[in-house]
Amino acid sequence: MACQGRLARTMGRPETAVLSYFSYGKPVEHLTLSYDLSPLDAAVELTAQRDLDTLAAAMVRTVSTLQRGFSVCVYALQGDLGNLSAKVVACTDINRVGTYLTALENRPLLRRCIDSQKMADECQTDGGCKRVYPVIEQNQVSGLVSCESTTAAGDTCSIIEKLVAIYANQHTLLNHQQRDGLTGLFNRAALDNWLAKALAPGEIPDRRAIDAANLGCFAIFDIDHFKRINDSLGHLYGDEVLLILAELMRESFRFNDMLFRYGGEEFIAVLTDADLEAAMAVLERFRARVAAHHFPQINQVTLTIGVVEIELRMLPSALIDRADKALYYGKNHGRNQVNAYEWLREGRVLREEAEERQTIELF
């Protein structure tokens, strides 16, 4: 289908709609849609974003302004070829945000778009049409933008293609800024950004959303005796350990878990939609896998891990402090283990140790 024509600005009173974009299962922004937005305004809107979350929401907003009745979704592709899934990261239908499309090989329209790296469409005799545009970063399809209309879509295809290209460029830039240069995991700035959004008070507007939210668990890893590796073998070997560990993390955790390099030899994993018992099982398997892995010139590397359940409206400093307490309990009791803050607290271990330290300081 030819993609020609240009956007005609809508005359008269703009219609409005409300779009909610969800970050980590919670609404973070409400946007009012105006159908009086020029292509240049749309480009400015996209390039003004400084965050991957708001960028996806802005993409939905700008494309939705092109024509009344557009249903727009932005997808992030996850997984490997042959086992791809697509996560809805922003959508005009807020109920779809955070959901997944699986078995993409059985979805001909999406597969055609991904394989050809070009827009694919599927139009009906009644005038309705669905178009899927590829988000291309570094010559690979990293996401999709889907536009569906129950009426004739009009000549918006070329404009949407250009907006998708702007979105891809901005996404690449922001993603690069939030990645650790050595390991490719999310960096400290990305962690701070996530903490500010996930734990910010007032972002859950009603009780139903609170009851539905399963925030998961927050784990800190520390490589045992990492300084010895750097001192005895040099920083090149230390960097190799960090690279191997990051790869093991990517292989061991789900694609919807969030992985960060916290700094130095410390890493963080956010296990989404996992209760403490499930998180402990996953982390114990990961700890054992690292301990069994052969690291060149070093042979064995072990981890000590502290984990805590994420609570609504918890201060970021309190969340990190709790995970740290569990981590350093393990450091002080043999290393190469996983401990949960809640289990240590319930067993009165942390309180008794604190009282013991206070007694030592007094006498």
Protein backbone atom coordinates (compact mmCIF):
# COMPACT_ATOMS: atom_id res chain seq x y z
CA MET A 1 0.00 0.00 0.00
CA ALA A 2 1.40 3.36 -0.99
CA CYS A 3 2.30 5.70 1.84
CA GLN A 4 1.66 9.16 0.44
CA GLY A 5 -0.06 12.35 1.47
CA ARG A 6 0.38 14.69 4.38
CA LEU A 7 -1.40 15.35 7.62
CA ALA A 8 -4.28 17.82 7.51
CA ARG A 9 -4.82 19.55 10.80
CA THR A 10 -8.24 18.94 12.28
CA MET A 11 -10.53 21.96 12.42
CA GLY A 12 -12.99 22.70 15.17
CA ARG A 13 -12.98 21.74 18.84
CA PRO A 14 -10.33 19.07 19.58
CA GLU A 15 -11.59 15.79 20.95
CA THR A 16 -9.86 14.49 24.06
CA ALA A 17 -9.12 11.12 25.55
CA VAL A 18 -7.09 9.93 28.50
CA LEU A 19 -4.06 7.67 28.08
CA SER A 20 -2.36 6.02 31.02
CA TYR A 21 1.10 4.55 30.60
CA PHE A 22 2.07 1.98 33.18
CA SER A 23 5.59 1.54 34.52
CA TYR A 24 6.07 -1.63 36.55
CA GLY A 25 2.33 -2.21 36.76
CA LYS A 26 1.44 1.27 37.96
CA PRO A 27 0.13 4.35 36.14
CA VAL A 28 2.82 6.99 35.94
CA GLU A 29 1.32 9.54 33.61
CA HIS A 30 -2.04 10.66 32.27
CA LEU A 31 -1.97 12.37 28.89
CA THR A 32 -4.73 14.33 27.23
CA LEU A 33 -4.94 13.72 23.50
CA SER A 34 -5.52 16.70 21.21
CA TYR A 35 -6.28 16.20 17.53
CA ASP A 36 -4.62 19.49 16.60
CA LEU A 37 -0.96 18.46 16.52
CA SER A 38 1.26 19.13 13.50
CA PRO A 39 4.01 16.70 12.39
CA LEU A 40 6.61 19.18 13.62
CA ASP A 41 4.87 19.40 16.99
CA ALA A 42 4.89 15.60 17.14
CA ALA A 43 8.63 15.48 16.44
CA VAL A 44 9.27 18.05 19.16
CA GLU A 45 7.12 16.02 21.57
CA LEU A 46 9.14 12.86 20.97
CA THR A 47 12.59 14.42 21.10
CA ALA A 48 11.71 16.28 24.31
CA GLN A 49 11.44 13.00 26.23
CA ARG A 50 14.30 12.06 28.55
CA ASP A 51 12.95 8.74 29.76
CA LEU A 52 12.11 5.47 28.00
CA ASP A 53 8.75 5.20 29.78
CA THR A 54 7.48 8.65 28.84
CA LEU A 55 8.91 8.26 25.34
CA ALA A 56 6.64 5.27 24.65
CA ALA A 57 3.64 7.15 26.07
CA ALA A 58 4.49 10.17 23.91
CA MET A 59 4.69 7.93 20.85
CA VAL A 60 1.17 6.67 21.47
CA ARG A 61 -0.04 10.20 22.04
CA THR A 62 1.47 11.67 18.89
CA VAL A 63 0.31 8.87 16.60
CA SER A 64 -3.16 8.95 18.16
CA THR A 65 -3.52 12.60 17.17
CA LEU A 66 -3.21 11.84 13.47
CA GLN A 67 -6.74 10.54 13.10
CA ARG A 68 -9.78 10.03 15.28
CA GLY A 69 -10.48 6.41 16.09
CA PHE A 70 -6.86 5.25 15.95
CA SER A 71 -6.00 2.47 18.39
CA VAL A 72 -2.25 2.60 18.95
CA CYS A 73 0.10 0.25 20.82
CA VAL A 74 3.87 0.31 21.25
CA TYR A 75 5.53 -3.07 21.74
CA ALA A 76 9.01 -4.02 22.94
CA LEU A 77 10.33 -7.27 21.47
CA GLN A 78 11.91 -9.66 23.94
CA GLY A 79 13.51 -13.08 23.67
CA ASP A 80 15.45 -14.79 20.90
CA LEU A 81 14.60 -15.47 17.28
CA GLY A 82 12.12 -18.31 17.16
CA ASN A 83 10.96 -17.52 20.68
CA LEU A 84 10.01 -13.86 20.44
CA SER A 85 7.37 -12.17 22.53
CA ALA A 86 6.12 -8.60 22.44
CA LYS A 87 5.37 -6.62 25.59
CA VAL A 88 2.84 -3.79 25.38
CA VAL A 89 4.71 -0.82 26.88
CA ALA A 90 2.19 1.88 25.96
CA CYS A 91 -1.28 1.81 24.44
CA THR A 92 -4.48 3.79 24.00
CA ASP A 93 -6.20 0.86 25.73
CA ILE A 94 -4.70 0.98 29.23
CA ASN A 95 -5.92 -2.54 30.00
CA ARG A 96 -3.42 -3.94 27.50
CA VAL A 97 -0.36 -2.21 28.96
CA GLY A 98 2.03 -4.69 30.56
CA THR A 99 0.52 -7.67 28.74
CA TYR A 100 2.44 -9.89 26.32
CA LEU A 101 1.90 -11.26 22.85
CA THR A 102 3.60 -14.65 22.63
CA ALA A 103 4.26 -17.10 19.81
CA LEU A 104 4.86 -14.31 17.30
CA GLU A 105 5.71 -16.90 14.66
CA ASN A 106 1.96 -17.68 14.63
CA ARG A 107 1.00 -14.03 14.03
CA PRO A 108 1.50 -13.50 10.28
CA LEU A 109 1.11 -9.70 10.27
CA LEU A 110 3.68 -9.19 13.02
CA ARG A 111 6.08 -11.74 11.54
CA ARG A 112 5.83 -10.08 8.13
CA CYS A 113 6.73 -6.73 9.66
CA ILE A 114 9.66 -8.15 11.65
CA ASP A 115 11.07 -10.26 8.82
CA SER A 116 10.83 -7.55 6.16
CA GLN A 117 11.72 -4.68 8.51
CA LYS A 118 8.98 -2.72 6.73
CA MET A 119 5.43 -1.66 7.45
CA ALA A 120 2.92 -4.49 7.09
CA ASP A 121 -0.82 -3.95 6.81
CA GLU A 122 -4.04 -5.89 6.87
CA CYS A 123 -7.10 -4.03 5.61
CA GLN A 124 -10.75 -5.06 5.63
CA THR A 125 -13.44 -4.52 3.02
CA ASP A 126 -15.37 -2.30 5.45
CA GLY A 127 -12.52 0.21 5.46
CA GLY A 128 -10.92 -0.86 8.72
CA CYS A 129 -7.18 -1.34 8.64
CA LYS A 130 -4.34 -2.48 10.88
CA ARG A 131 -0.79 -1.39 10.18
CA VAL A 132 2.34 -2.49 12.03
CA TYR A 133 5.56 -0.47 11.82
CA PRO A 134 8.98 -1.80 12.83
CA VAL A 135 11.12 0.07 15.36
CA ILE A 136 14.62 -0.44 13.96
CA GLU A 137 17.69 0.10 16.12
CA GLN A 138 21.19 -0.86 14.93
CA ASN A 139 19.71 -2.65 11.90
CA GLN A 140 17.51 -4.88 14.08
CA VAL A 141 13.82 -4.72 14.93
CA SER A 142 13.60 -3.93 18.64
CA GLY A 143 9.92 -3.07 18.80
CA LEU A 144 6.68 -2.51 16.93
CA VAL A 145 4.12 0.27 16.65
CA SER A 146 0.64 -0.97 15.82
CA CYS A 147 -2.10 1.35 14.49
CA GLU A 148 -5.62 0.04 14.04
CA SER A 149 -8.69 1.87 12.79
CA THR A 150 -12.27 0.76 12.21
CA THR A 151 -12.60 3.37 9.46
CA ALA A 152 -10.45 4.31 6.49
CA ALA A 153 -6.99 5.07 7.85
CA GLY A 154 -6.28 7.98 5.50
CA ASP A 155 -2.91 9.01 4.14
CA THR A 156 -1.00 8.93 7.41
CA CYS A 157 1.38 6.08 6.64
CA SER A 158 4.41 8.14 5.57
CA ILE A 159 4.03 10.46 8.57
CA ILE A 160 3.80 7.55 11.00
CA GLU A 161 6.88 5.95 9.44
CA LYS A 162 8.84 9.14 10.06
CA LEU A 163 7.56 9.41 13.64
CA VAL A 164 8.54 5.77 14.26
CA ALA A 165 12.04 6.56 12.94
CA ILE A 166 12.30 9.53 15.32
CA TYR A 167 11.05 7.32 18.15
CA ALA A 168 13.68 4.67 17.32
CA ASN A 169 16.49 7.24 17.26
CA GLN A 170 15.43 8.74 20.59
CA HIS A 171 14.95 5.28 22.10
CA THR A 172 18.49 4.29 21.04
CA LEU A 173 19.93 7.45 22.58
CA LEU A 174 18.07 7.10 25.88
CA ASN A 175 18.75 3.38 26.09
CA HIS A 176 22.48 4.00 25.59
CA GLN A 177 22.46 6.59 28.38
CA GLN A 178 20.87 4.08 30.77
CA ARG A 179 23.26 1.19 30.05
CA ASP A 180 26.50 0.27 31.78
CA GLY A 181 29.35 0.66 29.31
CA LEU A 182 31.08 -2.60 30.27
CA THR A 183 28.29 -5.12 30.89
CA GLY A 184 25.39 -3.68 28.90
CA LEU A 185 23.09 -4.01 31.91
CA PHE A 186 21.10 -1.03 33.15
CA ASN A 187 23.28 1.43 35.05
CA ARG A 188 22.95 3.32 38.34
CA ALA A 189 21.12 6.23 36.69
CA ALA A 190 18.52 3.81 35.30
CA LEU A 191 18.13 2.26 38.75
CA ASP A 192 17.60 5.65 40.38
CA ASN A 193 15.01 6.47 37.73
CA TRP A 194 13.20 3.17 38.24
CA LEU A 195 13.21 3.55 42.04
CA ALA A 196 11.80 7.07 41.81
CA LYS A 197 8.89 5.85 39.69
CA ALA A 198 8.17 2.46 41.18
CA LEU A 199 8.19 3.64 44.78
CA ALA A 200 6.93 7.21 44.43
CA PRO A 201 3.96 7.97 46.72
CA GLY A 202 0.69 8.84 45.10
CA GLU A 203 1.20 6.95 41.86
CA ILE A 204 -1.47 4.37 42.69
CA PRO A 205 -4.75 6.26 42.29
CA ASP A 206 -7.18 3.78 43.83
CA ARG A 207 -7.41 0.79 46.12
CA ARG A 208 -8.07 -1.69 43.33
CA ALA A 209 -4.75 -0.85 41.70
CA ILE A 210 -2.97 -1.30 45.02
CA ASP A 211 -4.57 -4.68 45.58
CA ALA A 212 -3.66 -5.78 42.05
CA ALA A 213 -0.05 -4.66 42.27
CA ASN A 214 2.55 -7.36 42.84
CA LEU A 215 5.76 -5.43 43.02
CA GLY A 216 8.09 -8.41 43.30
CA CYS A 217 11.48 -8.59 45.00
CA PHE A 218 14.69 -6.56 44.98
CA ALA A 219 18.03 -8.39 45.20
CA ILE A 220 21.61 -7.15 45.54
CA PHE A 221 24.53 -9.40 44.48
CA ASP A 222 28.12 -8.91 45.53
CA ILE A 223 31.05 -10.89 44.08
CA ASP A 224 32.98 -12.50 46.92
CA HIS A 225 36.65 -11.51 47.24
CA PHE A 226 36.54 -9.51 44.01
CA LYS A 227 39.38 -7.25 45.18
CA ARG A 228 41.66 -10.29 45.34
CA ILE A 229 40.96 -10.99 41.68
CA ASN A 230 41.87 -7.45 40.65
CA ASP A 231 44.94 -7.35 42.88
CA SER A 232 46.33 -10.76 41.92
CA LEU A 233 45.40 -11.02 38.24
CA GLY A 234 44.74 -7.44 37.18
CA HIS A 235 41.70 -5.43 36.18
CA LEU A 236 41.39 -7.08 32.77
CA TYR A 237 40.56 -10.37 34.47
CA GLY A 238 38.27 -8.53 36.86
CA ASP A 239 36.41 -7.04 33.89
CA GLU A 240 36.15 -10.50 32.33
CA VAL A 241 34.48 -11.77 35.50
CA LEU A 242 31.99 -8.90 35.38
CA LEU A 243 31.19 -9.61 31.72
CA ILE A 244 30.67 -13.33 32.33
CA LEU A 245 28.50 -12.65 35.37
CA ALA A 246 26.34 -10.21 33.39
CA GLU A 247 25.84 -12.83 30.68
CA LEU A 248 24.90 -15.46 33.27
CA MET A 249 22.37 -13.00 34.69
CA ARG A 250 20.77 -12.47 31.28
CA GLU A 251 20.56 -16.23 30.76
CA SER A 252 19.20 -16.98 34.24
CA PHE A 253 16.48 -14.36 34.74
CA ARG A 254 13.26 -13.76 32.84
CA PHE A 255 13.12 -11.13 30.13
CA ASN A 256 10.67 -9.07 32.20
CA ASP A 257 13.04 -8.95 35.20
CA MET A 258 15.24 -5.86 35.41
CA LEU A 259 19.01 -6.24 35.72
CA PHE A 260 21.39 -3.50 36.83
CA ARG A 261 25.07 -3.01 37.52
CA TYR A 262 24.94 -1.10 40.78
CA GLY A 263 28.63 -0.23 40.83
CA GLY A 264 31.97 -2.03 41.08
CA GLU A 265 31.27 -5.69 41.79
CA GLU A 266 27.66 -5.15 42.92
CA PHE A 267 24.63 -5.98 40.79
CA ILE A 268 20.89 -5.70 41.29
CA ALA A 269 17.98 -7.76 39.99
CA VAL A 270 14.34 -6.74 40.26
CA LEU A 271 12.26 -9.91 40.06
CA THR A 272 8.86 -8.73 38.86
CA ASP A 273 5.65 -10.46 39.91
CA ALA A 274 7.55 -12.81 42.24
CA ASP A 275 6.84 -13.37 45.92
CA LEU A 276 9.68 -13.90 48.36
CA GLU A 277 9.60 -17.69 48.25
CA ALA A 278 9.72 -17.78 44.45
CA ALA A 279 12.46 -15.15 44.37
CA MET A 280 14.56 -17.08 46.87
CA ALA A 281 14.31 -20.21 44.72
CA VAL A 282 15.37 -18.31 41.58
CA LEU A 283 18.25 -16.59 43.35
CA GLU A 284 19.49 -19.80 44.93
CA ARG A 285 19.58 -21.48 41.51
CA PHE A 286 21.48 -18.51 40.12
CA ARG A 287 23.97 -18.53 43.01
CA ALA A 288 24.62 -22.24 42.48
CA ARG A 289 25.03 -21.74 38.73
CA VAL A 290 27.64 -19.03 39.24
CA ALA A 291 29.51 -21.13 41.80
CA ALA A 292 29.59 -24.07 39.37
CA HIS A 293 30.72 -21.98 36.39
CA HIS A 294 34.37 -22.17 35.33
CA PHE A 295 35.91 -18.70 35.09
CA PRO A 296 39.16 -18.58 33.03
CA GLN A 297 42.32 -18.28 35.17
CA ILE A 298 40.21 -18.02 38.32
CA ASN A 299 38.24 -21.26 38.31
CA GLN A 300 35.51 -20.44 40.85
CA VAL A 301 33.70 -17.20 41.61
CA THR A 302 30.95 -17.01 44.21
CA LEU A 303 28.21 -14.52 45.06
CA THR A 304 26.56 -13.36 48.23
CA ILE A 305 22.98 -12.18 47.70
CA GLY A 306 20.54 -10.19 49.81
CA VAL A 307 16.87 -9.89 48.83
CA VAL A 308 13.83 -8.03 50.11
CA GLU A 309 10.19 -7.81 49.07
CA ILE A 310 9.23 -4.48 47.52
CA GLU A 311 6.53 -2.60 49.40
CA LEU A 312 4.31 0.18 48.11
CA ARG A 313 5.51 3.69 48.89
CA MET A 314 8.74 2.47 50.45
CA LEU A 315 11.59 4.96 50.33
CA PRO A 316 14.31 3.91 47.85
CA SER A 317 16.93 4.28 50.57
CA ALA A 318 14.95 1.95 52.85
CA LEU A 319 14.61 -0.67 50.11
CA ILE A 320 18.34 -0.67 49.39
CA ASP A 321 19.17 -0.64 53.10
CA ARG A 322 17.07 -3.75 53.76
CA ALA A 323 18.63 -5.66 50.88
CA ASP A 324 22.06 -4.52 52.09
CA LYS A 325 21.36 -5.84 55.59
CA ALA A 326 20.57 -9.27 54.19
CA LEU A 327 23.61 -9.11 51.90
CA TYR A 328 26.07 -8.22 54.64
CA TYR A 329 24.62 -10.80 56.98
CA GLY A 330 25.67 -13.35 54.36
CA LYS A 331 29.06 -11.67 53.97
CA ASN A 332 29.66 -11.99 57.69
CA HIS A 333 28.48 -15.60 57.85
CA GLY A 334 30.52 -17.44 55.25
CA ARG A 335 29.61 -15.78 51.93
CA ASN A 336 28.31 -17.72 48.88
CA GLN A 337 24.69 -17.68 50.11
CA VAL A 338 21.28 -16.05 49.67
CA ASN A 339 19.49 -14.34 52.55
CA ALA A 340 16.14 -12.55 52.72
CA TYR A 341 15.68 -9.52 54.93
CA GLU A 342 12.21 -10.68 56.04
CA TRP A 343 13.40 -14.12 57.09
CA LEU A 344 16.31 -12.71 59.05
CA ARG A 345 14.04 -10.18 60.72
CA GLU A 346 11.42 -12.76 61.60
CA GLY A 347 14.12 -14.96 63.05
CA ARG A 348 15.31 -11.98 65.11
CA VAL A 349 18.80 -12.46 63.70
CA LEU A 350 19.25 -8.88 62.56
CA ARG A 351 17.91 -7.38 65.80
CA GLU A 352 20.05 -9.62 68.01
CA GLU A 353 23.18 -8.76 66.02
CA ALA A 354 22.37 -5.05 66.30
CA GLU A 355 21.97 -5.38 70.08
CA GLU A 356 25.26 -7.27 70.28
CA ARG A 357 27.08 -4.53 68.36
CA GLN A 358 25.56 -1.89 70.62
CA THR A 359 26.75 -3.79 73.71
CA ILE A 360 30.27 -3.98 72.30
CA GLU A 361 30.29 -0.25 71.61
CA LEU A 362 29.09 0.56 75.14
CA PHE A 363 31.71 -1.57 76.85
